[in-house]
Amino acid sequence: MTLVAARELRNHSADLIERARNGEEITITVNGVPSAKLTAIQPARKAYLTKAEFLALRPKTPDLTLARDIAALTGATTDDLGPIR
């Protein structure tokens, strides 16, 4: 982390912005007190996945232990739940 006075930011803004773009985190001080940070903008994450991206994230093989656990917990029927309304 680099500390830079506000005056230096004013006088050398292009250089400091380029340094931040290259990954350096710069803290701007006013009267010696840290007041702001100058950092590179991180690329935004997509708000959604395409079907192909989603399918690529899924495991390739089924989870057989989960299937066995569900079968052991639920039994052969759900008749005890009553009719579906």
PDB file of N, CA and C in Angstrom:
ATOM      1  N   MET A   1       0.855  -1.169   0.000  1.00  0.00           N
ATOM      2  CA  MET A   1       0.000   0.000   0.000  1.00  0.00           C
ATOM      3  C   MET A   1       0.903   1.234   0.000  1.00  0.00           C
ATOM      4  N   THR A   2       0.610   2.157  -0.889  1.00  0.00           N
ATOM      5  CA  THR A   2       1.379   3.382  -1.030  1.00  0.00           C
ATOM      6  C   THR A   2       0.566   4.548  -0.501  1.00  0.00           C
ATOM      7  N   LEU A   3       1.183   5.388   0.328  1.00  0.00           N
ATOM      8  CA  LEU A   3       0.524   6.603   0.816  1.00  0.00           C
ATOM      9  C   LEU A   3       0.938   7.773  -0.056  1.00  0.00           C
ATOM     10  N   VAL A   4      -0.050   8.565  -0.490  1.00  0.00           N
ATOM     11  CA  VAL A   4       0.204   9.708  -1.361  1.00  0.00           C
ATOM     12  C   VAL A   4      -0.609  10.885  -0.845  1.00  0.00           C
ATOM     13  N   ALA A   5       0.040  12.031  -0.713  1.00  0.00           N
ATOM     14  CA  ALA A   5      -0.664  13.238  -0.276  1.00  0.00           C
ATOM     15  C   ALA A   5      -1.594  13.724  -1.381  1.00  0.00           C
ATOM     16  N   ALA A   6      -2.677  14.378  -0.989  1.00  0.00           N
ATOM     17  CA  ALA A   6      -3.642  14.905  -1.955  1.00  0.00           C
ATOM     18  C   ALA A   6      -2.962  15.846  -2.946  1.00  0.00           C
ATOM     19  N   ARG A   7      -1.991  16.604  -2.497  1.00  0.00           N
ATOM     20  CA  ARG A   7      -1.261  17.516  -3.386  1.00  0.00           C
ATOM     21  C   ARG A   7      -0.538  16.735  -4.484  1.00  0.00           C
ATOM     22  N   GLU A   8       0.074  15.602  -4.108  1.00  0.00           N
ATOM     23  CA  GLU A   8       0.761  14.787  -5.111  1.00  0.00           C
ATOM     24  C   GLU A   8      -0.241  14.197  -6.101  1.00  0.00           C
ATOM     25  N   LEU A   9      -1.418  13.821  -5.621  1.00  0.00           N
ATOM     26  CA  LEU A   9      -2.463  13.336  -6.525  1.00  0.00           C
ATOM     27  C   LEU A   9      -2.830  14.417  -7.535  1.00  0.00           C
ATOM     28  N   ARG A  10      -2.982  15.639  -7.059  1.00  0.00           N
ATOM     29  CA  ARG A  10      -3.320  16.753  -7.948  1.00  0.00           C
ATOM     30  C   ARG A  10      -2.220  16.977  -8.981  1.00  0.00           C
ATOM     31  N   ASN A  11      -0.965  16.922  -8.554  1.00  0.00           N
ATOM     32  CA  ASN A  11       0.154  17.224  -9.446  1.00  0.00           C
ATOM     33  C   ASN A  11       0.549  16.072 -10.368  1.00  0.00           C
ATOM     34  N   HIS A  12       0.253  14.838  -9.962  1.00  0.00           N
ATOM     35  CA  HIS A  12       0.702  13.666 -10.727  1.00  0.00           C
ATOM     36  C   HIS A  12      -0.443  12.673 -10.933  1.00  0.00           C
ATOM     37  N   SER A  13      -1.630  13.169 -11.206  1.00  0.00           N
ATOM     38  CA  SER A  13      -2.802  12.290 -11.281  1.00  0.00           C
ATOM     39  C   SER A  13      -2.670  11.224 -12.366  1.00  0.00           C
ATOM     40  N   ALA A  14      -2.182  11.581 -13.549  1.00  0.00           N
ATOM     41  CA  ALA A  14      -2.083  10.595 -14.636  1.00  0.00           C
ATOM     42  C   ALA A  14      -1.164   9.440 -14.245  1.00  0.00           C
ATOM     43  N   ASP A  15      -0.029   9.750 -13.635  1.00  0.00           N
ATOM     44  CA  ASP A  15       0.912   8.718 -13.214  1.00  0.00           C
ATOM     45  C   ASP A  15       0.291   7.820 -12.144  1.00  0.00           C
ATOM     46  N   LEU A  16      -0.376   8.428 -11.170  1.00  0.00           N
ATOM     47  CA  LEU A  16      -0.982   7.647 -10.087  1.00  0.00           C
ATOM     48  C   LEU A  16      -2.131   6.780 -10.601  1.00  0.00           C
ATOM     49  N   ILE A  17      -2.912   7.301 -11.530  1.00  0.00           N
ATOM     50  CA  ILE A  17      -4.002   6.504 -12.100  1.00  0.00           C
ATOM     51  C   ILE A  17      -3.434   5.315 -12.866  1.00  0.00           C
ATOM     52  N   GLU A  18      -2.378   5.527 -13.598  1.00  0.00           N
ATOM     53  CA  GLU A  18      -1.747   4.422 -14.334  1.00  0.00           C
ATOM     54  C   GLU A  18      -1.215   3.366 -13.371  1.00  0.00           C
ATOM     55  N   ARG A  19      -0.607   3.796 -12.283  1.00  0.00           N
ATOM     56  CA  ARG A  19      -0.118   2.839 -11.280  1.00  0.00           C
ATOM     57  C   ARG A  19      -1.272   2.034 -10.696  1.00  0.00           C
ATOM     58  N   ALA A  20      -2.393   2.702 -10.417  1.00  0.00           N
ATOM     59  CA  ALA A  20      -3.565   1.998  -9.887  1.00  0.00           C
ATOM     60  C   ALA A  20      -4.112   1.012 -10.921  1.00  0.00           C
ATOM     61  N   ARG A  21      -4.157   1.423 -12.173  1.00  0.00           N
ATOM     62  CA  ARG A  21      -4.628   0.527 -13.238  1.00  0.00           C
ATOM     63  C   ARG A  21      -3.774  -0.725 -13.322  1.00  0.00           C
ATOM     64  N   ASN A  22      -2.500  -0.602 -12.989  1.00  0.00           N
ATOM     65  CA  ASN A  22      -1.575  -1.736 -13.033  1.00  0.00           C
ATOM     66  C   ASN A  22      -1.612  -2.577 -11.766  1.00  0.00           C
ATOM     67  N   GLY A  23      -2.553  -2.293 -10.870  1.00  0.00           N
ATOM     68  CA  GLY A  23      -2.763  -3.141  -9.702  1.00  0.00           C
ATOM     69  C   GLY A  23      -2.277  -2.592  -8.379  1.00  0.00           C
ATOM     70  N   GLU A  24      -1.630  -1.453  -8.377  1.00  0.00           N
ATOM     71  CA  GLU A  24      -1.147  -0.881  -7.119  1.00  0.00           C
ATOM     72  C   GLU A  24      -2.312  -0.224  -6.378  1.00  0.00           C
ATOM     73  N   GLU A  25      -2.368  -0.425  -5.071  1.00  0.00           N
ATOM     74  CA  GLU A  25      -3.392   0.233  -4.250  1.00  0.00           C
ATOM     75  C   GLU A  25      -2.760   1.468  -3.622  1.00  0.00           C
ATOM     76  N   ILE A  26      -3.340   2.620  -3.894  1.00  0.00           N
ATOM     77  CA  ILE A  26      -2.777   3.889  -3.440  1.00  0.00           C
ATOM     78  C   ILE A  26      -3.754   4.531  -2.467  1.00  0.00           C
ATOM     79  N   THR A  27      -3.267   4.880  -1.282  1.00  0.00           N
ATOM     80  CA  THR A  27      -4.086   5.563  -0.289  1.00  0.00           C
ATOM     81  C   THR A  27      -3.768   7.045  -0.332  1.00  0.00           C
ATOM     82  N   ILE A  28      -4.801   7.851  -0.499  1.00  0.00           N
ATOM     83  CA  ILE A  28      -4.655   9.302  -0.558  1.00  0.00           C
ATOM     84  C   ILE A  28      -4.815   9.852   0.856  1.00  0.00           C
ATOM     85  N   THR A  29      -3.886  10.720   1.256  1.00  0.00           N
ATOM     86  CA  THR A  29      -3.950  11.316   2.590  1.00  0.00           C
ATOM     87  C   THR A  29      -4.228  12.811   2.486  1.00  0.00           C
ATOM     88  N   VAL A  30      -4.927  13.308   3.489  1.00  0.00           N
ATOM     89  CA  VAL A  30      -5.167  14.745   3.632  1.00  0.00           C
ATOM     90  C   VAL A  30      -4.643  15.124   5.008  1.00  0.00           C
ATOM     91  N   ASN A  31      -3.656  15.996   5.030  1.00  0.00           N
ATOM     92  CA  ASN A  31      -2.989  16.372   6.284  1.00  0.00           C
ATOM     93  C   ASN A  31      -2.474  15.145   7.027  1.00  0.00           C
ATOM     94  N   GLY A  32      -1.971  14.163   6.270  1.00  0.00           N
ATOM     95  CA  GLY A  32      -1.397  12.961   6.862  1.00  0.00           C
ATOM     96  C   GLY A  32      -2.396  11.901   7.276  1.00  0.00           C
ATOM     97  N   VAL A  33      -3.685  12.165   7.099  1.00  0.00           N
ATOM     98  CA  VAL A  33      -4.725  11.213   7.503  1.00  0.00           C
ATOM     99  C   VAL A  33      -5.240  10.481   6.258  1.00  0.00           C
ATOM    100  N   PRO A  34      -5.193   9.145   6.244  1.00  0.00           N
ATOM    101  CA  PRO A  34      -5.732   8.410   5.100  1.00  0.00           C
ATOM    102  C   PRO A  34      -7.198   8.768   4.876  1.00  0.00           C
ATOM    103  N   SER A  35      -7.522   9.153   3.628  1.00  0.00           N
ATOM    104  CA  SER A  35      -8.869   9.645   3.342  1.00  0.00           C
ATOM    105  C   SER A  35      -9.561   8.922   2.197  1.00  0.00           C
ATOM    106  N   ALA A  36      -8.807   8.348   1.276  1.00  0.00           N
ATOM    107  CA  ALA A  36      -9.412   7.670   0.127  1.00  0.00           C
ATOM    108  C   ALA A  36      -8.430   6.656  -0.430  1.00  0.00           C
ATOM    109  N   LYS A  37      -8.956   5.714  -1.211  1.00  0.00           N
ATOM    110  CA  LYS A  37      -8.113   4.724  -1.874  1.00  0.00           C
ATOM    111  C   LYS A  37      -8.312   4.830  -3.368  1.00  0.00           C
ATOM    112  N   LEU A  38      -7.228   4.692  -4.088  1.00  0.00           N
ATOM    113  CA  LEU A  38      -7.248   4.676  -5.541  1.00  0.00           C
ATOM    114  C   LEU A  38      -6.840   3.269  -5.962  1.00  0.00           C
ATOM    115  N   THR A  39      -7.772   2.539  -6.563  1.00  0.00           N
ATOM    116  CA  THR A  39      -7.515   1.165  -6.988  1.00  0.00           C
ATOM    117  C   THR A  39      -8.091   0.939  -8.376  1.00  0.00           C
ATOM    118  N   ALA A  40      -7.662  -0.130  -9.000  1.00  0.00           N
ATOM    119  CA  ALA A  40      -8.205  -0.499 -10.308  1.00  0.00           C
ATOM    120  C   ALA A  40      -9.630  -1.008 -10.136  1.00  0.00           C
ATOM    121  N   ILE A  41     -10.458  -0.763 -11.123  1.00  0.00           N
ATOM    122  CA  ILE A  41     -11.827  -1.273 -11.115  1.00  0.00           C
ATOM    123  C   ILE A  41     -11.781  -2.742 -11.518  1.00  0.00           C
ATOM    124  N   GLN A  42     -12.420  -3.578 -10.711  1.00  0.00           N
ATOM    125  CA  GLN A  42     -12.477  -5.002 -11.018  1.00  0.00           C
ATOM    126  C   GLN A  42     -13.574  -5.247 -12.045  1.00  0.00           C
ATOM    127  N   PRO A  43     -13.344  -6.139 -12.989  1.00  0.00           N
ATOM    128  CA  PRO A  43     -14.396  -6.424 -13.967  1.00  0.00           C
ATOM    129  C   PRO A  43     -15.639  -6.975 -13.269  1.00  0.00           C
ATOM    130  N   ALA A  44     -16.792  -6.534 -13.714  1.00  0.00           N
ATOM    131  CA  ALA A  44     -18.050  -6.963 -13.101  1.00  0.00           C
ATOM    132  C   ALA A  44     -18.332  -8.424 -13.444  1.00  0.00           C
ATOM    133  N   ARG A  45     -18.905  -9.121 -12.474  1.00  0.00           N
ATOM    134  CA  ARG A  45     -19.327 -10.492 -12.729  1.00  0.00           C
ATOM    135  C   ARG A  45     -20.660 -10.474 -13.455  1.00  0.00           C
ATOM    136  N   LYS A  46     -20.851 -11.450 -14.311  1.00  0.00           N
ATOM    137  CA  LYS A  46     -22.134 -11.556 -14.990  1.00  0.00           C
ATOM    138  C   LYS A  46     -23.209 -11.914 -13.973  1.00  0.00           C
ATOM    139  N   ALA A  47     -24.414 -11.414 -14.181  1.00  0.00           N
ATOM    140  CA  ALA A  47     -25.523 -11.673 -13.269  1.00  0.00           C
ATOM    141  C   ALA A  47     -26.182 -13.025 -13.551  1.00  0.00           C
ATOM    142  N   TYR A  48     -25.762 -13.697 -14.589  1.00  0.00           N
ATOM    143  CA  TYR A  48     -26.392 -14.958 -14.962  1.00  0.00           C
ATOM    144  C   TYR A  48     -25.358 -15.876 -15.612  1.00  0.00           C
ATOM    145  N   LEU A  49     -25.725 -17.139 -15.731  1.00  0.00           N
ATOM    146  CA  LEU A  49     -24.913 -18.115 -16.451  1.00  0.00           C
ATOM    147  C   LEU A  49     -25.718 -18.616 -17.642  1.00  0.00           C
ATOM    148  N   THR A  50     -25.054 -18.857 -18.732  1.00  0.00           N
ATOM    149  CA  THR A  50     -25.733 -19.506 -19.850  1.00  0.00           C
ATOM    150  C   THR A  50     -25.951 -20.969 -19.479  1.00  0.00           C
ATOM    151  N   LYS A  51     -26.813 -21.632 -20.220  1.00  0.00           N
ATOM    152  CA  LYS A  51     -27.076 -23.044 -19.945  1.00  0.00           C
ATOM    153  C   LYS A  51     -25.787 -23.853 -20.040  1.00  0.00           C
ATOM    154  N   ALA A  52     -24.980 -23.578 -21.044  1.00  0.00           N
ATOM    155  CA  ALA A  52     -23.723 -24.316 -21.218  1.00  0.00           C
ATOM    156  C   ALA A  52     -22.775 -24.080 -20.041  1.00  0.00           C
ATOM    157  N   GLU A  53     -22.702 -22.838 -19.546  1.00  0.00           N
ATOM    158  CA  GLU A  53     -21.832 -22.537 -18.399  1.00  0.00           C
ATOM    159  C   GLU A  53     -22.325 -23.250 -17.146  1.00  0.00           C
ATOM    160  N   PHE A  54     -23.651 -23.260 -16.950  1.00  0.00           N
ATOM    161  CA  PHE A  54     -24.222 -23.938 -15.787  1.00  0.00           C
ATOM    162  C   PHE A  54     -23.931 -25.434 -15.843  1.00  0.00           C
ATOM    163  N   LEU A  55     -24.156 -26.031 -17.001  1.00  0.00           N
ATOM    164  CA  LEU A  55     -23.920 -27.468 -17.132  1.00  0.00           C
ATOM    165  C   LEU A  55     -22.449 -27.814 -16.948  1.00  0.00           C
ATOM    166  N   ALA A  56     -21.562 -26.921 -17.337  1.00  0.00           N
ATOM    167  CA  ALA A  56     -20.130 -27.167 -17.164  1.00  0.00           C
ATOM    168  C   ALA A  56     -19.732 -27.173 -15.687  1.00  0.00           C
ATOM    169  N   LEU A  57     -20.485 -26.474 -14.844  1.00  0.00           N
ATOM    170  CA  LEU A  57     -20.176 -26.425 -13.414  1.00  0.00           C
ATOM    171  C   LEU A  57     -20.658 -27.660 -12.661  1.00  0.00           C
ATOM    172  N   ARG A  58     -21.632 -28.346 -13.223  1.00  0.00           N
ATOM    173  CA  ARG A  58     -22.199 -29.508 -12.545  1.00  0.00           C
ATOM    174  C   ARG A  58     -21.213 -30.668 -12.555  1.00  0.00           C
ATOM    175  N   PRO A  59     -21.266 -31.500 -11.523  1.00  0.00           N
ATOM    176  CA  PRO A  59     -20.384 -32.672 -11.509  1.00  0.00           C
ATOM    177  C   PRO A  59     -20.713 -33.597 -12.681  1.00  0.00           C
ATOM    178  N   LYS A  60     -19.700 -34.234 -13.202  1.00  0.00           N
ATOM    179  CA  LYS A  60     -19.888 -35.121 -14.354  1.00  0.00           C
ATOM    180  C   LYS A  60     -20.505 -36.462 -13.952  1.00  0.00           C
ATOM    181  N   THR A  61     -20.263 -36.903 -12.721  1.00  0.00           N
ATOM    182  CA  THR A  61     -20.802 -38.186 -12.275  1.00  0.00           C
ATOM    183  C   THR A  61     -21.844 -37.936 -11.193  1.00  0.00           C
ATOM    184  N   PRO A  62     -22.886 -38.770 -11.156  1.00  0.00           N
ATOM    185  CA  PRO A  62     -23.921 -38.571 -10.140  1.00  0.00           C
ATOM    186  C   PRO A  62     -23.386 -38.889  -8.745  1.00  0.00           C
ATOM    187  N   ASP A  63     -23.979 -38.270  -7.756  1.00  0.00           N
ATOM    188  CA  ASP A  63     -23.606 -38.503  -6.366  1.00  0.00           C
ATOM    189  C   ASP A  63     -24.405 -39.700  -5.855  1.00  0.00           C
ATOM    190  N   LEU A  64     -23.819 -40.880  -5.939  1.00  0.00           N
ATOM    191  CA  LEU A  64     -24.536 -42.097  -5.569  1.00  0.00           C
ATOM    192  C   LEU A  64     -24.810 -42.169  -4.078  1.00  0.00           C
ATOM    193  N   THR A  65     -23.954 -41.599  -3.266  1.00  0.00           N
ATOM    194  CA  THR A  65     -24.203 -41.640  -1.818  1.00  0.00           C
ATOM    195  C   THR A  65     -25.417 -40.798  -1.461  1.00  0.00           C
ATOM    196  N   LEU A  66     -25.646 -39.694  -2.169  1.00  0.00           N
ATOM    197  CA  LEU A  66     -26.831 -38.882  -1.916  1.00  0.00           C
ATOM    198  C   LEU A  66     -28.087 -39.667  -2.264  1.00  0.00           C
ATOM    199  N   ALA A  67     -28.083 -40.367  -3.378  1.00  0.00           N
ATOM    200  CA  ALA A  67     -29.243 -41.170  -3.771  1.00  0.00           C
ATOM    201  C   ALA A  67     -29.537 -42.236  -2.719  1.00  0.00           C
ATOM    202  N   ARG A  68     -28.499 -42.889  -2.193  1.00  0.00           N
ATOM    203  CA  ARG A  68     -28.702 -43.900  -1.145  1.00  0.00           C
ATOM    204  C   ARG A  68     -29.245 -43.262   0.129  1.00  0.00           C
ATOM    205  N   ASP A  69     -28.719 -42.104   0.511  1.00  0.00           N
ATOM    206  CA  ASP A  69     -29.190 -41.422   1.717  1.00  0.00           C
ATOM    207  C   ASP A  69     -30.659 -41.030   1.592  1.00  0.00           C
ATOM    208  N   ILE A  70     -31.048 -40.517   0.451  1.00  0.00           N
ATOM    209  CA  ILE A  70     -32.444 -40.117   0.249  1.00  0.00           C
ATOM    210  C   ILE A  70     -33.352 -41.337   0.308  1.00  0.00           C
ATOM    211  N   ALA A  71     -32.939 -42.431  -0.321  1.00  0.00           N
ATOM    212  CA  ALA A  71     -33.742 -43.651  -0.296  1.00  0.00           C
ATOM    213  C   ALA A  71     -33.895 -44.167   1.129  1.00  0.00           C
ATOM    214  N   ALA A  72     -32.842 -44.102   1.920  1.00  0.00           N
ATOM    215  CA  ALA A  72     -32.906 -44.588   3.301  1.00  0.00           C
ATOM    216  C   ALA A  72     -33.802 -43.710   4.162  1.00  0.00           C
ATOM    217  N   LEU A  73     -33.820 -42.430   3.905  1.00  0.00           N
ATOM    218  CA  LEU A  73     -34.620 -41.516   4.715  1.00  0.00           C
ATOM    219  C   LEU A  73     -36.090 -41.494   4.322  1.00  0.00           C
ATOM    220  N   THR A  74     -36.393 -41.682   3.062  1.00  0.00           N
ATOM    221  CA  THR A  74     -37.770 -41.528   2.602  1.00  0.00           C
ATOM    222  C   THR A  74     -38.542 -42.819   2.559  1.00  0.00           C
ATOM    223  N   GLY A  75     -37.885 -43.937   2.451  1.00  0.00           N
ATOM    224  CA  GLY A  75     -38.608 -45.192   2.333  1.00  0.00           C
ATOM    225  C   GLY A  75     -39.152 -45.361   0.926  1.00  0.00           C
ATOM    226  N   ALA A  76     -40.047 -46.338   0.772  1.00  0.00           N
ATOM    227  CA  ALA A  76     -40.538 -46.673  -0.559  1.00  0.00           C
ATOM    228  C   ALA A  76     -41.740 -45.841  -0.979  1.00  0.00           C
ATOM    229  N   THR A  77     -42.401 -45.197  -0.046  1.00  0.00           N
ATOM    230  CA  THR A  77     -43.635 -44.496  -0.384  1.00  0.00           C
ATOM    231  C   THR A  77     -43.754 -43.193   0.389  1.00  0.00           C
ATOM    232  N   THR A  78     -44.597 -42.342  -0.115  1.00  0.00           N
ATOM    233  CA  THR A  78     -44.904 -41.091   0.595  1.00  0.00           C
ATOM    234  C   THR A  78     -46.387 -41.022   0.938  1.00  0.00           C
ATOM    235  N   ASP A  79     -47.057 -42.187   0.993  1.00  0.00           N
ATOM    236  CA  ASP A  79     -48.493 -42.223   1.272  1.00  0.00           C
ATOM    237  C   ASP A  79     -48.827 -41.624   2.631  1.00  0.00           C
ATOM    238  N   ASP A  80     -47.911 -41.701   3.588  1.00  0.00           N
ATOM    239  CA  ASP A  80     -48.187 -41.177   4.924  1.00  0.00           C
ATOM    240  C   ASP A  80     -48.306 -39.654   4.938  1.00  0.00           C
ATOM    241  N   LEU A  81     -47.976 -38.996   3.839  1.00  0.00           N
ATOM    242  CA  LEU A  81     -48.093 -37.541   3.764  1.00  0.00           C
ATOM    243  C   LEU A  81     -49.517 -37.096   3.481  1.00  0.00           C
ATOM    244  N   GLY A  82     -50.356 -38.019   3.033  1.00  0.00           N
ATOM    245  CA  GLY A  82     -51.738 -37.662   2.725  1.00  0.00           C
ATOM    246  C   GLY A  82     -51.880 -37.205   1.289  1.00  0.00           C
ATOM    247  N   PRO A  83     -53.115 -36.889   0.904  1.00  0.00           N
ATOM    248  CA  PRO A  83     -53.358 -36.494  -0.487  1.00  0.00           C
ATOM    249  C   PRO A  83     -52.785 -35.110  -0.791  1.00  0.00           C
ATOM    250  N   ILE A  84     -52.410 -34.936  -2.029  1.00  0.00           N
ATOM    251  CA  ILE A  84     -51.927 -33.633  -2.494  1.00  0.00           C
ATOM    252  C   ILE A  84     -53.127 -32.790  -2.868  1.00  0.00           C
ATOM    253  N   ARG A  85     -53.215 -31.585  -2.366  1.00  0.00           N
ATOM    254  CA  ARG A  85     -54.360 -30.722  -2.656  1.00  0.00           C
ATOM    255  C   ARG A  85     -53.982 -29.677  -3.632  1.00  0.00           C
TER     256      ARG A  85
END
